[in-house]
């Protein structure tokens, strides 16, 4: 039994059409495409982070002293 049989996909598309309606279907498709692009971009970021040089302690801004709240 194939999980992605054509009849199953047709029923799934029909249910999606009923839930979202024809006017919102384009918006849902655009949002899904944007989510997939963002996911792919996020998956490639760790590789870019590995090649970047780590910051030295001298590159970090100095920590500001917080006033003591002794009363």
Protein backbone atom coordinates (compact mmCIF):
# COMPACT_ATOMS: atom_id res chain seq x y z
CA UNK A 1 0.00 0.00 0.00
CA UNK A 2 1.57 3.23 -1.18
CA UNK A 3 1.13 6.20 1.13
CA UNK A 4 1.32 8.68 -1.77
CA UNK A 5 -1.13 7.01 -4.12
CA UNK A 6 -2.83 9.39 -6.58
CA UNK A 7 -6.21 8.88 -4.92
CA UNK A 8 -4.77 9.82 -1.53
CA UNK A 9 -3.19 12.98 -2.92
CA UNK A 10 -6.46 13.95 -4.61
CA UNK A 11 -8.40 13.54 -1.36
CA UNK A 12 -5.76 15.53 0.52
CA UNK A 13 -5.91 18.38 -2.00
CA UNK A 14 -9.71 18.39 -1.81
CA UNK A 15 -9.61 18.65 2.00
CA UNK A 16 -7.08 21.49 1.80
CA UNK A 17 -9.27 23.29 -0.72
CA UNK A 18 -12.30 22.94 1.56
CA UNK A 19 -10.40 24.19 4.63
CA UNK A 20 -8.65 27.19 3.06
CA UNK A 21 -10.89 28.00 0.11
CA UNK A 22 -9.75 28.88 -3.38
CA UNK A 23 -8.85 32.49 -2.55
CA UNK A 24 -6.45 31.57 0.28
CA UNK A 25 -4.85 28.65 -1.53
CA UNK A 26 -2.35 30.94 -3.32
CA UNK A 27 -1.37 32.60 -0.03
CA UNK A 28 -0.84 29.22 1.60
CA UNK A 29 1.33 28.09 -1.30
CA UNK A 30 3.44 31.26 -1.10
CA UNK A 31 3.86 30.92 2.64
CA UNK A 32 4.86 27.29 2.24
CA UNK A 33 7.44 28.19 -0.40
CA UNK A 34 8.88 30.93 1.83
CA UNK A 35 9.08 28.53 4.76
CA UNK A 36 10.96 25.97 2.65
CA UNK A 37 13.42 28.65 1.42
CA UNK A 38 14.01 29.86 5.00
CA UNK A 39 14.56 26.29 6.16
CA UNK A 40 17.12 25.64 3.42
CA UNK A 41 18.89 28.90 4.27
CA UNK A 42 18.98 27.98 7.96
CA UNK A 43 20.36 24.55 7.14
CA UNK A 44 23.26 26.16 5.23
CA UNK A 45 24.08 28.71 7.96
CA UNK A 46 25.97 26.30 10.27
CA UNK A 47 28.39 25.57 7.43
CA UNK A 48 29.02 29.29 7.01
CA UNK A 49 29.44 29.71 10.76
CA UNK A 50 32.08 26.97 10.87
CA UNK A 51 34.25 28.81 8.37
CA UNK A 52 33.97 32.16 10.16
CA UNK A 53 36.68 33.13 12.61
CA UNK A 54 35.61 33.21 16.26
CA UNK A 55 35.67 36.56 18.04
CA UNK A 56 38.62 37.25 20.28
CA UNK A 57 37.96 38.58 23.78
CA UNK A 58 39.39 41.94 22.73
CA UNK A 59 36.72 42.22 19.99
CA UNK A 60 33.87 42.06 22.50
CA UNK A 61 32.52 45.29 24.02
CA UNK A 62 33.32 45.85 27.68
CA UNK A 63 30.62 44.83 30.17
CA UNK A 64 28.93 47.77 31.84
CA UNK A 65 28.89 47.81 35.61
CA UNK A 66 25.35 47.77 37.02
CA UNK A 67 24.64 50.00 40.02
CA UNK A 68 24.19 48.18 43.29
CA UNK A 69 20.61 48.40 44.64
CA UNK A 70 21.56 48.40 48.31
CA UNK A 71 19.11 50.40 50.40
